[in-house]
Amino acid sequence: MKHFLQLRDLERDQFEHLFGRTRLIKERFKSYIAYQPLADRMLAMVFEKSSTRTRVSFEAGIHQLGGSSIVLNTSETQLGRGEPIEDVARVVSRMVDIVMIRTYEHSIIERFAAHSRVPVINGLTNEYHPCQVLADVYTFLERRGPIAGRVVAWIGDGNNMCNTWIQAAQIFGFRLNVCSPPGYGVEPARTAGAGREHLEIFTRPAQAVAGADLVTTDVWTSMGFEAESEARLAAFDGFTVDAALMSAARPDALFMHCLPAHRGEEVTEDVLEGPHSVVWDEAENRLHVQK
């Protein structure tokens, strides 16, 4: 049984097949052609972290494929009363066909998957966000062709998105330039096996963005780190993706953000809404790659 807990769970040829299927599924969706191979199948969505895009894309996706979904928020289940995650996995996986989990520590989803009888998809953990980066890579492919050999600049926190981009660089064969403030960089363990052809660390945003084909960022304070918000605002001063920073990238560079965005903090309004931005296509493509 195959789970999808991080990008490394699939090989490059499997992703190439997945992207081909995504294109066909999206074309059918845009042409209002019904495609329902998952009739009578049930998706369970377990949320310990709240969501907009993850819930809507998964719930709409399973419905469009002919199936149904059920939402399980921690506060509404026995998980909120201390039932072991292993017991929840054993029960829920006997009643549904696939499970998506959006939670905190990555070990939680690994423990669930270890005791599940059905495939488990990572909707987000503190360490990885594979569905989002999958949509991002597909969006680049859709707009600019293969991402192999290109340069992607990550400006901001060494968070779950950054960790997943590091995996993507090794799988798809591009170079990731990472620039984070001191104390907020990538954990050394996340860079294991990534050579300089796939990963380079910079101290100045303009250096990381120079010649990039794609510039991407995220909020400075991720969910669960709200107590650090004031300190992070000070630490990330100078790391805003604005028009001046984008001008250092290639003229046809794309800008991406997984959303929600804090305009004026990690990105300016004119970049988010400007000609380089593909954030709305990127958000929509969550639906199609997940289907």
C-alpha atoms as a PDB file:
ATOM      1  CA  MET A   1       0.000   0.000   0.000  1.00  0.00           C
ATOM      2  CA  LYS A   2       1.319   3.427  -0.961  1.00  0.00           C
ATOM      3  CA  HIS A   3       1.007   6.422   1.345  1.00  0.00           C
ATOM      4  CA  PHE A   4       1.875  10.001   0.347  1.00  0.00           C
ATOM      5  CA  LEU A   5       3.440  11.539   3.449  1.00  0.00           C
ATOM      6  CA  GLN A   6       6.276  13.422   1.741  1.00  0.00           C
ATOM      7  CA  LEU A   7       7.469  13.952  -1.831  1.00  0.00           C
ATOM      8  CA  ARG A   8      10.102  11.230  -1.492  1.00  0.00           C
ATOM      9  CA  ASP A   9       7.338   8.636  -1.245  1.00  0.00           C
ATOM     10  CA  LEU A  10       7.051   8.721  -5.056  1.00  0.00           C
ATOM     11  CA  GLU A  11       9.647   8.483  -7.831  1.00  0.00           C
ATOM     12  CA  ARG A  12      10.148  10.997 -10.627  1.00  0.00           C
ATOM     13  CA  ASP A  13       8.551   8.748 -13.271  1.00  0.00           C
ATOM     14  CA  GLN A  14       5.485   8.391 -11.050  1.00  0.00           C
ATOM     15  CA  PHE A  15       5.241  12.170 -10.781  1.00  0.00           C
ATOM     16  CA  GLU A  16       5.540  12.496 -14.554  1.00  0.00           C
ATOM     17  CA  HIS A  17       2.619  10.087 -14.921  1.00  0.00           C
ATOM     18  CA  LEU A  18       0.700  12.019 -12.247  1.00  0.00           C
ATOM     19  CA  PHE A  19       1.247  15.320 -14.081  1.00  0.00           C
ATOM     20  CA  GLY A  20      -0.011  13.760 -17.311  1.00  0.00           C
ATOM     21  CA  ARG A  21      -3.151  12.605 -15.528  1.00  0.00           C
ATOM     22  CA  THR A  22      -3.519  16.043 -13.918  1.00  0.00           C
ATOM     23  CA  ARG A  23      -3.561  17.703 -17.336  1.00  0.00           C
ATOM     24  CA  LEU A  24      -6.309  15.362 -18.587  1.00  0.00           C
ATOM     25  CA  ILE A  25      -8.374  15.680 -15.419  1.00  0.00           C
ATOM     26  CA  LYS A  26      -8.111  19.474 -15.530  1.00  0.00           C
ATOM     27  CA  GLU A  27      -9.141  19.540 -19.203  1.00  0.00           C
ATOM     28  CA  ARG A  28     -12.216  17.445 -18.381  1.00  0.00           C
ATOM     29  CA  PHE A  29     -13.034  19.730 -15.449  1.00  0.00           C
ATOM     30  CA  LYS A  30     -12.776  22.852 -17.621  1.00  0.00           C
ATOM     31  CA  SER A  31     -14.924  21.224 -20.323  1.00  0.00           C
ATOM     32  CA  TYR A  32     -17.621  20.139 -17.827  1.00  0.00           C
ATOM     33  CA  ILE A  33     -17.035  16.481 -18.701  1.00  0.00           C
ATOM     34  CA  ALA A  34     -18.025  14.210 -15.821  1.00  0.00           C
ATOM     35  CA  TYR A  35     -15.267  11.847 -14.685  1.00  0.00           C
ATOM     36  CA  GLN A  36     -16.255   9.747 -11.672  1.00  0.00           C
ATOM     37  CA  PRO A  37     -14.026   6.677 -11.221  1.00  0.00           C
ATOM     38  CA  LEU A  38     -14.344   6.870  -7.409  1.00  0.00           C
ATOM     39  CA  ALA A  39     -18.101   6.331  -7.174  1.00  0.00           C
ATOM     40  CA  ASP A  40     -19.109   4.881  -3.798  1.00  0.00           C
ATOM     41  CA  ARG A  41     -15.686   5.676  -2.280  1.00  0.00           C
ATOM     42  CA  MET A  42     -15.207   7.676   0.914  1.00  0.00           C
ATOM     43  CA  LEU A  43     -12.456  10.133   1.896  1.00  0.00           C
ATOM     44  CA  ALA A  44     -11.947  10.954   5.577  1.00  0.00           C
ATOM     45  CA  MET A  45     -10.306  14.317   6.269  1.00  0.00           C
ATOM     46  CA  VAL A  46      -8.742  14.695   9.721  1.00  0.00           C
ATOM     47  CA  PHE A  47      -7.984  18.287  10.720  1.00  0.00           C
ATOM     48  CA  GLU A  48      -5.854  19.185  13.719  1.00  0.00           C
ATOM     49  CA  LYS A  49      -4.869  22.378  11.861  1.00  0.00           C
ATOM     50  CA  SER A  50      -7.621  24.459  10.295  1.00  0.00           C
ATOM     51  CA  SER A  51      -7.637  25.061   6.554  1.00  0.00           C
ATOM     52  CA  THR A  52      -9.365  26.710   3.607  1.00  0.00           C
ATOM     53  CA  ARG A  53      -7.587  25.518   0.446  1.00  0.00           C
ATOM     54  CA  THR A  54      -6.838  22.022   1.738  1.00  0.00           C
ATOM     55  CA  ARG A  55     -10.402  21.318   2.800  1.00  0.00           C
ATOM     56  CA  VAL A  56     -12.083  22.817  -0.266  1.00  0.00           C
ATOM     57  CA  SER A  57      -9.708  21.166  -2.758  1.00  0.00           C
ATOM     58  CA  PHE A  58      -9.959  17.707  -1.208  1.00  0.00           C
ATOM     59  CA  GLU A  59     -13.705  17.879  -0.548  1.00  0.00           C
ATOM     60  CA  ALA A  60     -14.500  19.215  -4.018  1.00  0.00           C
ATOM     61  CA  GLY A  61     -12.040  16.808  -5.603  1.00  0.00           C
ATOM     62  CA  ILE A  62     -13.468  13.598  -4.157  1.00  0.00           C
ATOM     63  CA  HIS A  63     -17.003  14.784  -4.979  1.00  0.00           C
ATOM     64  CA  GLN A  64     -16.062  15.540  -8.600  1.00  0.00           C
ATOM     65  CA  LEU A  65     -14.518  12.060  -8.860  1.00  0.00           C
ATOM     66  CA  GLY A  66     -17.819  10.539  -7.745  1.00  0.00           C
ATOM     67  CA  GLY A  67     -16.971   9.887  -4.096  1.00  0.00           C
ATOM     68  CA  SER A  68     -17.938  11.394  -0.764  1.00  0.00           C
ATOM     69  CA  SER A  69     -16.056  12.894   2.165  1.00  0.00           C
ATOM     70  CA  ILE A  70     -16.348  13.241   5.898  1.00  0.00           C
ATOM     71  CA  VAL A  71     -14.599  15.914   7.971  1.00  0.00           C
ATOM     72  CA  LEU A  72     -13.160  15.017  11.359  1.00  0.00           C
ATOM     73  CA  ASN A  73     -11.988  17.956  13.460  1.00  0.00           C
ATOM     74  CA  THR A  74      -9.975  17.022  16.524  1.00  0.00           C
ATOM     75  CA  SER A  75     -12.317  18.888  18.874  1.00  0.00           C
ATOM     76  CA  GLU A  76     -15.274  16.878  17.564  1.00  0.00           C
ATOM     77  CA  THR A  77     -13.715  13.414  17.902  1.00  0.00           C
ATOM     78  CA  GLN A  78     -12.198  11.218  20.572  1.00  0.00           C
ATOM     79  CA  LEU A  79      -8.773  12.462  19.439  1.00  0.00           C
ATOM     80  CA  GLY A  80      -9.573  15.592  21.417  1.00  0.00           C
ATOM     81  CA  ARG A  81     -10.113  13.432  24.504  1.00  0.00           C
ATOM     82  CA  GLY A  82      -6.818  11.633  24.260  1.00  0.00           C
ATOM     83  CA  GLU A  83      -7.644   8.505  22.227  1.00  0.00           C
ATOM     84  CA  PRO A  84      -4.357   7.158  20.789  1.00  0.00           C
ATOM     85  CA  ILE A  85      -3.811   8.006  17.137  1.00  0.00           C
ATOM     86  CA  GLU A  86      -3.070   4.332  16.484  1.00  0.00           C
ATOM     87  CA  ASP A  87      -6.558   3.335  17.674  1.00  0.00           C
ATOM     88  CA  VAL A  88      -8.191   6.040  15.570  1.00  0.00           C
ATOM     89  CA  ALA A  89      -6.290   4.790  12.518  1.00  0.00           C
ATOM     90  CA  ARG A  90      -7.392   1.193  13.066  1.00  0.00           C
ATOM     91  CA  VAL A  91     -11.058   2.204  13.328  1.00  0.00           C
ATOM     92  CA  VAL A  92     -11.338   4.931  10.694  1.00  0.00           C
ATOM     93  CA  SER A  93      -9.427   2.972   8.051  1.00  0.00           C
ATOM     94  CA  ARG A  94     -11.954   0.130   8.319  1.00  0.00           C
ATOM     95  CA  MET A  95     -14.776   2.509   7.390  1.00  0.00           C
ATOM     96  CA  VAL A  96     -13.331   4.668   4.587  1.00  0.00           C
ATOM     97  CA  ASP A  97     -11.217   4.193   1.456  1.00  0.00           C
ATOM     98  CA  ILE A  98      -8.587   6.911   1.872  1.00  0.00           C
ATOM     99  CA  VAL A  99      -7.542   9.376   4.584  1.00  0.00           C
ATOM    100  CA  MET A 100      -6.113  12.897   4.408  1.00  0.00           C
ATOM    101  CA  ILE A 101      -4.569  14.338   7.569  1.00  0.00           C
ATOM    102  CA  ARG A 102      -3.559  17.936   8.313  1.00  0.00           C
ATOM    103  CA  THR A 103      -1.729  18.037  11.612  1.00  0.00           C
ATOM    104  CA  TYR A 104       1.280  19.286  13.573  1.00  0.00           C
ATOM    105  CA  GLU A 105       4.209  16.909  14.169  1.00  0.00           C
ATOM    106  CA  HIS A 106       5.028  14.681  11.212  1.00  0.00           C
ATOM    107  CA  SER A 107       5.312  11.710  13.570  1.00  0.00           C
ATOM    108  CA  ILE A 108       1.533  11.864  14.091  1.00  0.00           C
ATOM    109  CA  ILE A 109       0.776  11.130  10.443  1.00  0.00           C
ATOM    110  CA  GLU A 110       3.493   8.469  10.321  1.00  0.00           C
ATOM    111  CA  ARG A 111       1.937   6.715  13.328  1.00  0.00           C
ATOM    112  CA  PHE A 112      -1.509   6.901  11.733  1.00  0.00           C
ATOM    113  CA  ALA A 113      -0.230   5.508   8.428  1.00  0.00           C
ATOM    114  CA  ALA A 114       1.577   2.656  10.187  1.00  0.00           C
ATOM    115  CA  HIS A 115      -1.759   1.407  11.557  1.00  0.00           C
ATOM    116  CA  SER A 116      -4.028   2.296   8.617  1.00  0.00           C
ATOM    117  CA  ARG A 117      -5.559  -0.241   6.235  1.00  0.00           C
ATOM    118  CA  VAL A 118      -6.024   2.407   3.525  1.00  0.00           C
ATOM    119  CA  PRO A 119      -3.719   4.995   1.892  1.00  0.00           C
ATOM    120  CA  VAL A 120      -2.938   8.159   3.852  1.00  0.00           C
ATOM    121  CA  ILE A 121      -2.217  11.572   2.287  1.00  0.00           C
ATOM    122  CA  ASN A 122      -0.340  14.361   4.051  1.00  0.00           C
ATOM    123  CA  GLY A 123      -2.447  17.524   3.852  1.00  0.00           C
ATOM    124  CA  LEU A 124       0.230  19.372   5.866  1.00  0.00           C
ATOM    125  CA  THR A 125       2.511  18.794   8.830  1.00  0.00           C
ATOM    126  CA  ASN A 126       5.029  21.055  10.528  1.00  0.00           C
ATOM    127  CA  GLU A 127       7.779  19.353   8.534  1.00  0.00           C
ATOM    128  CA  TYR A 128       6.309  18.831   5.035  1.00  0.00           C
ATOM    129  CA  HIS A 129       3.583  20.074   2.671  1.00  0.00           C
ATOM    130  CA  PRO A 130       3.846  17.742  -0.355  1.00  0.00           C
ATOM    131  CA  CYS A 131       0.441  18.445  -1.939  1.00  0.00           C
ATOM    132  CA  GLN A 132       1.199  22.160  -2.147  1.00  0.00           C
ATOM    133  CA  VAL A 133       4.642  21.779  -3.725  1.00  0.00           C
ATOM    134  CA  LEU A 134       3.194  19.212  -6.117  1.00  0.00           C
ATOM    135  CA  ALA A 135       0.698  21.843  -7.267  1.00  0.00           C
ATOM    136  CA  ASP A 136       3.490  24.422  -7.494  1.00  0.00           C
ATOM    137  CA  VAL A 137       5.691  22.227  -9.688  1.00  0.00           C
ATOM    138  CA  TYR A 138       2.719  21.420 -11.907  1.00  0.00           C
ATOM    139  CA  THR A 139       1.875  25.126 -12.211  1.00  0.00           C
ATOM    140  CA  PHE A 140       5.438  25.850 -13.361  1.00  0.00           C
ATOM    141  CA  LEU A 141       5.233  22.986 -15.861  1.00  0.00           C
ATOM    142  CA  GLU A 142       1.941  24.376 -17.154  1.00  0.00           C
ATOM    143  CA  ARG A 143       3.332  27.899 -17.575  1.00  0.00           C
ATOM    144  CA  ARG A 144       7.004  27.380 -18.451  1.00  0.00           C
ATOM    145  CA  GLY A 145       7.552  23.703 -19.274  1.00  0.00           C
ATOM    146  CA  PRO A 146       9.758  21.229 -17.363  1.00  0.00           C
ATOM    147  CA  ILE A 147      11.329  22.547 -14.173  1.00  0.00           C
ATOM    148  CA  ALA A 148      14.478  20.425 -14.581  1.00  0.00           C
ATOM    149  CA  GLY A 149      17.568  22.590 -14.909  1.00  0.00           C
ATOM    150  CA  ARG A 150      15.765  25.725 -13.692  1.00  0.00           C
ATOM    151  CA  VAL A 151      16.457  27.893 -10.634  1.00  0.00           C
ATOM    152  CA  VAL A 152      13.896  28.322  -7.848  1.00  0.00           C
ATOM    153  CA  ALA A 153      14.448  30.947  -5.143  1.00  0.00           C
ATOM    154  CA  TRP A 154      12.911  30.421  -1.706  1.00  0.00           C
ATOM    155  CA  ILE A 155      12.834  33.609   0.379  1.00  0.00           C
ATOM    156  CA  GLY A 156      11.763  33.222   3.989  1.00  0.00           C
ATOM    157  CA  ASP A 157      11.403  30.733   6.793  1.00  0.00           C
ATOM    158  CA  GLY A 158      13.029  27.295   6.593  1.00  0.00           C
ATOM    159  CA  ASN A 159       9.611  25.739   7.167  1.00  0.00           C
ATOM    160  CA  ASN A 160       7.585  22.793   5.841  1.00  0.00           C
ATOM    161  CA  MET A 161       7.307  24.361   2.396  1.00  0.00           C
ATOM    162  CA  CYS A 162      11.042  24.959   2.191  1.00  0.00           C
ATOM    163  CA  ASN A 163      11.762  21.391   3.353  1.00  0.00           C
ATOM    164  CA  THR A 164       9.497  20.041   0.624  1.00  0.00           C
ATOM    165  CA  TRP A 165      11.067  22.267  -2.041  1.00  0.00           C
ATOM    166  CA  ILE A 166      14.443  20.766  -1.084  1.00  0.00           C
ATOM    167  CA  GLN A 167      13.067  17.301  -1.809  1.00  0.00           C
ATOM    168  CA  ALA A 168      11.522  18.545  -5.057  1.00  0.00           C
ATOM    169  CA  ALA A 169      14.877  19.932  -6.260  1.00  0.00           C
ATOM    170  CA  GLN A 170      16.478  16.512  -5.887  1.00  0.00           C
ATOM    171  CA  ILE A 171      13.567  14.639  -7.493  1.00  0.00           C
ATOM    172  CA  PHE A 172      12.997  16.953 -10.468  1.00  0.00           C
ATOM    173  CA  GLY A 173      16.567  18.097 -11.040  1.00  0.00           C
ATOM    174  CA  PHE A 174      16.561  21.867 -10.451  1.00  0.00           C
ATOM    175  CA  ARG A 175      18.525  24.146  -8.123  1.00  0.00           C
ATOM    176  CA  LEU A 176      16.890  25.670  -5.078  1.00  0.00           C
ATOM    177  CA  ASN A 177      18.343  28.910  -3.705  1.00  0.00           C
ATOM    178  CA  VAL A 178      17.296  29.377  -0.074  1.00  0.00           C
ATOM    179  CA  CYS A 179      17.605  32.646   1.817  1.00  0.00           C
ATOM    180  CA  SER A 180      16.430  32.919   5.422  1.00  0.00           C
ATOM    181  CA  PRO A 181      17.276  35.260   8.323  1.00  0.00           C
ATOM    182  CA  PRO A 182      19.773  34.009  10.915  1.00  0.00           C
ATOM    183  CA  GLY A 183      18.081  31.535  13.240  1.00  0.00           C
ATOM    184  CA  TYR A 184      15.298  30.711  10.782  1.00  0.00           C
ATOM    185  CA  GLY A 185      17.181  28.676   8.207  1.00  0.00           C
ATOM    186  CA  VAL A 186      16.790  25.078   7.115  1.00  0.00           C
ATOM    187  CA  GLU A 187      17.529  22.391   9.700  1.00  0.00           C
ATOM    188  CA  PRO A 188      20.741  20.568   8.670  1.00  0.00           C
ATOM    189  CA  ALA A 189      18.953  17.208   8.715  1.00  0.00           C
ATOM    190  CA  ARG A 190      16.628  18.409   5.913  1.00  0.00           C
ATOM    191  CA  THR A 191      19.548  19.078   3.575  1.00  0.00           C
ATOM    192  CA  ALA A 192      21.059  15.598   3.818  1.00  0.00           C
ATOM    193  CA  GLY A 193      21.935  14.268   0.365  1.00  0.00           C
ATOM    194  CA  ALA A 194      21.316  17.586  -1.387  1.00  0.00           C
ATOM    195  CA  GLY A 195      24.418  18.623  -3.341  1.00  0.00           C
ATOM    196  CA  ARG A 196      25.196  22.130  -4.522  1.00  0.00           C
ATOM    197  CA  GLU A 197      23.604  21.368  -7.895  1.00  0.00           C
ATOM    198  CA  HIS A 198      20.287  21.065  -6.045  1.00  0.00           C
ATOM    199  CA  LEU A 199      20.620  23.396  -3.056  1.00  0.00           C
ATOM    200  CA  GLU A 200      22.490  26.591  -2.273  1.00  0.00           C
ATOM    201  CA  ILE A 201      22.115  28.744   0.834  1.00  0.00           C
ATOM    202  CA  PHE A 202      22.335  32.542   0.650  1.00  0.00           C
ATOM    203  CA  THR A 203      22.378  35.310   3.247  1.00  0.00           C
ATOM    204  CA  ARG A 204      20.987  38.099   1.037  1.00  0.00           C
ATOM    205  CA  PRO A 205      17.632  37.784  -0.796  1.00  0.00           C
ATOM    206  CA  ALA A 206      18.899  39.564  -3.938  1.00  0.00           C
ATOM    207  CA  GLN A 207      21.686  36.984  -4.303  1.00  0.00           C
ATOM    208  CA  ALA A 208      19.220  34.090  -4.039  1.00  0.00           C
ATOM    209  CA  VAL A 209      16.801  35.617  -6.552  1.00  0.00           C
ATOM    210  CA  ALA A 210      19.426  36.580  -9.155  1.00  0.00           C
ATOM    211  CA  GLY A 211      18.567  34.798 -12.408  1.00  0.00           C
ATOM    212  CA  ALA A 212      15.778  32.729 -10.841  1.00  0.00           C
ATOM    213  CA  ASP A 213      13.001  31.240 -12.962  1.00  0.00           C
ATOM    214  CA  LEU A 214      10.650  31.089  -9.975  1.00  0.00           C
ATOM    215  CA  VAL A 215      10.509  33.118  -6.769  1.00  0.00           C
ATOM    216  CA  THR A 216       8.393  31.754  -3.945  1.00  0.00           C
ATOM    217  CA  THR A 217       7.758  32.547  -0.312  1.00  0.00           C
ATOM    218  CA  ASP A 218       5.378  31.944   2.595  1.00  0.00           C
ATOM    219  CA  VAL A 219       4.084  33.777   5.648  1.00  0.00           C
ATOM    220  CA  TRP A 220       6.749  34.652   8.185  1.00  0.00           C
ATOM    221  CA  THR A 221       4.754  33.161  11.069  1.00  0.00           C
ATOM    222  CA  SER A 222       3.352  29.723  10.272  1.00  0.00           C
ATOM    223  CA  MET A 223       0.356  28.229  12.050  1.00  0.00           C
ATOM    224  CA  GLY A 224       1.354  27.144  15.538  1.00  0.00           C
ATOM    225  CA  PHE A 225       4.099  29.770  15.906  1.00  0.00           C
ATOM    226  CA  GLU A 226       1.888  32.783  16.608  1.00  0.00           C
ATOM    227  CA  ALA A 227       3.668  33.501  19.912  1.00  0.00           C
ATOM    228  CA  GLU A 228       6.805  34.285  17.891  1.00  0.00           C
ATOM    229  CA  SER A 229       5.061  36.732  15.563  1.00  0.00           C
ATOM    230  CA  GLU A 230       6.602  39.953  16.888  1.00  0.00           C
ATOM    231  CA  ALA A 231      10.123  38.516  16.953  1.00  0.00           C
ATOM    232  CA  ARG A 232       9.713  37.126  13.453  1.00  0.00           C
ATOM    233  CA  LEU A 233       8.522  40.460  12.056  1.00  0.00           C
ATOM    234  CA  ALA A 234      11.774  42.000  13.270  1.00  0.00           C
ATOM    235  CA  ALA A 235      13.975  39.119  12.098  1.00  0.00           C
ATOM    236  CA  PHE A 236      12.471  39.004   8.597  1.00  0.00           C
ATOM    237  CA  ASP A 237      12.807  42.737   7.966  1.00  0.00           C
ATOM    238  CA  GLY A 238      14.366  43.063   4.504  1.00  0.00           C
ATOM    239  CA  PHE A 239      13.016  39.713   3.272  1.00  0.00           C
ATOM    240  CA  THR A 240       9.847  41.045   1.631  1.00  0.00           C
ATOM    241  CA  VAL A 241       9.418  39.988  -1.994  1.00  0.00           C
ATOM    242  CA  ASP A 242       8.793  43.325  -3.695  1.00  0.00           C
ATOM    243  CA  ALA A 243       9.156  44.653  -7.225  1.00  0.00           C
ATOM    244  CA  ALA A 244      12.806  45.533  -6.680  1.00  0.00           C
ATOM    245  CA  LEU A 245      13.625  41.997  -5.577  1.00  0.00           C
ATOM    246  CA  MET A 246      11.659  40.437  -8.443  1.00  0.00           C
ATOM    247  CA  SER A 247      13.633  42.585 -10.892  1.00  0.00           C
ATOM    248  CA  ALA A 248      16.730  40.551  -9.989  1.00  0.00           C
ATOM    249  CA  ALA A 249      15.053  37.389 -11.303  1.00  0.00           C
ATOM    250  CA  ARG A 250      14.675  36.475 -14.963  1.00  0.00           C
ATOM    251  CA  PRO A 251      12.296  38.775 -16.879  1.00  0.00           C
ATOM    252  CA  ASP A 252       9.804  35.920 -17.318  1.00  0.00           C
ATOM    253  CA  ALA A 253      10.157  34.628 -13.749  1.00  0.00           C
ATOM    254  CA  LEU A 254       7.054  33.428 -11.956  1.00  0.00           C
ATOM    255  CA  PHE A 255       6.033  34.314  -8.408  1.00  0.00           C
ATOM    256  CA  MET A 256       4.281  31.798  -6.176  1.00  0.00           C
ATOM    257  CA  HIS A 257       2.849  31.808  -2.657  1.00  0.00           C
ATOM    258  CA  CYS A 258       0.953  28.929  -1.044  1.00  0.00           C
ATOM    259  CA  LEU A 259      -1.496  31.400   0.585  1.00  0.00           C
ATOM    260  CA  PRO A 260      -2.921  32.906   2.679  1.00  0.00           C
ATOM    261  CA  ALA A 261      -0.642  35.901   2.074  1.00  0.00           C
ATOM    262  CA  HIS A 262       0.052  38.805   4.394  1.00  0.00           C
ATOM    263  CA  ARG A 263       0.316  41.699   1.960  1.00  0.00           C
ATOM    264  CA  GLY A 264       3.059  44.088   2.957  1.00  0.00           C
ATOM    265  CA  GLU A 265       4.936  41.504   5.019  1.00  0.00           C
ATOM    266  CA  GLU A 266       6.413  38.601   3.023  1.00  0.00           C
ATOM    267  CA  VAL A 267       5.118  39.988  -0.299  1.00  0.00           C
ATOM    268  CA  THR A 268       3.909  43.352  -1.550  1.00  0.00           C
ATOM    269  CA  GLU A 269       0.522  43.900  -3.119  1.00  0.00           C
ATOM    270  CA  ASP A 270       1.988  44.815  -6.504  1.00  0.00           C
ATOM    271  CA  VAL A 271       3.916  41.536  -6.742  1.00  0.00           C
ATOM    272  CA  LEU A 272       1.053  39.364  -5.505  1.00  0.00           C
ATOM    273  CA  GLU A 273      -1.325  40.940  -8.007  1.00  0.00           C
ATOM    274  CA  GLY A 274       1.287  41.631 -10.673  1.00  0.00           C
ATOM    275  CA  PRO A 275       2.242  40.000 -13.987  1.00  0.00           C
ATOM    276  CA  HIS A 276       4.762  37.577 -12.452  1.00  0.00           C
ATOM    277  CA  SER A 277       2.211  36.139 -10.017  1.00  0.00           C
ATOM    278  CA  VAL A 278       0.505  32.816 -10.682  1.00  0.00           C
ATOM    279  CA  VAL A 279      -0.808  32.328  -7.147  1.00  0.00           C
ATOM    280  CA  TRP A 280      -4.438  31.835  -8.208  1.00  0.00           C
ATOM    281  CA  ASP A 281      -3.550  29.176 -10.800  1.00  0.00           C
ATOM    282  CA  GLU A 282      -1.304  27.627  -8.163  1.00  0.00           C
ATOM    283  CA  ALA A 283      -4.178  27.498  -5.671  1.00  0.00           C
ATOM    284  CA  GLU A 284      -6.569  25.976  -8.219  1.00  0.00           C
ATOM    285  CA  ASN A 285      -4.060  23.328  -9.208  1.00  0.00           C
ATOM    286  CA  ARG A 286      -4.220  21.868  -5.697  1.00  0.00           C
ATOM    287  CA  LEU A 287      -7.606  20.527  -6.790  1.00  0.00           C
ATOM    288  CA  HIS A 288      -6.352  18.926  -9.967  1.00  0.00           C
ATOM    289  CA  VAL A 289      -3.115  17.313  -8.743  1.00  0.00           C
ATOM    290  CA  GLN A 290      -4.888  15.923  -5.663  1.00  0.00           C
ATOM    291  CA  LYS A 291      -7.618  14.401  -7.827  1.00  0.00           C
END
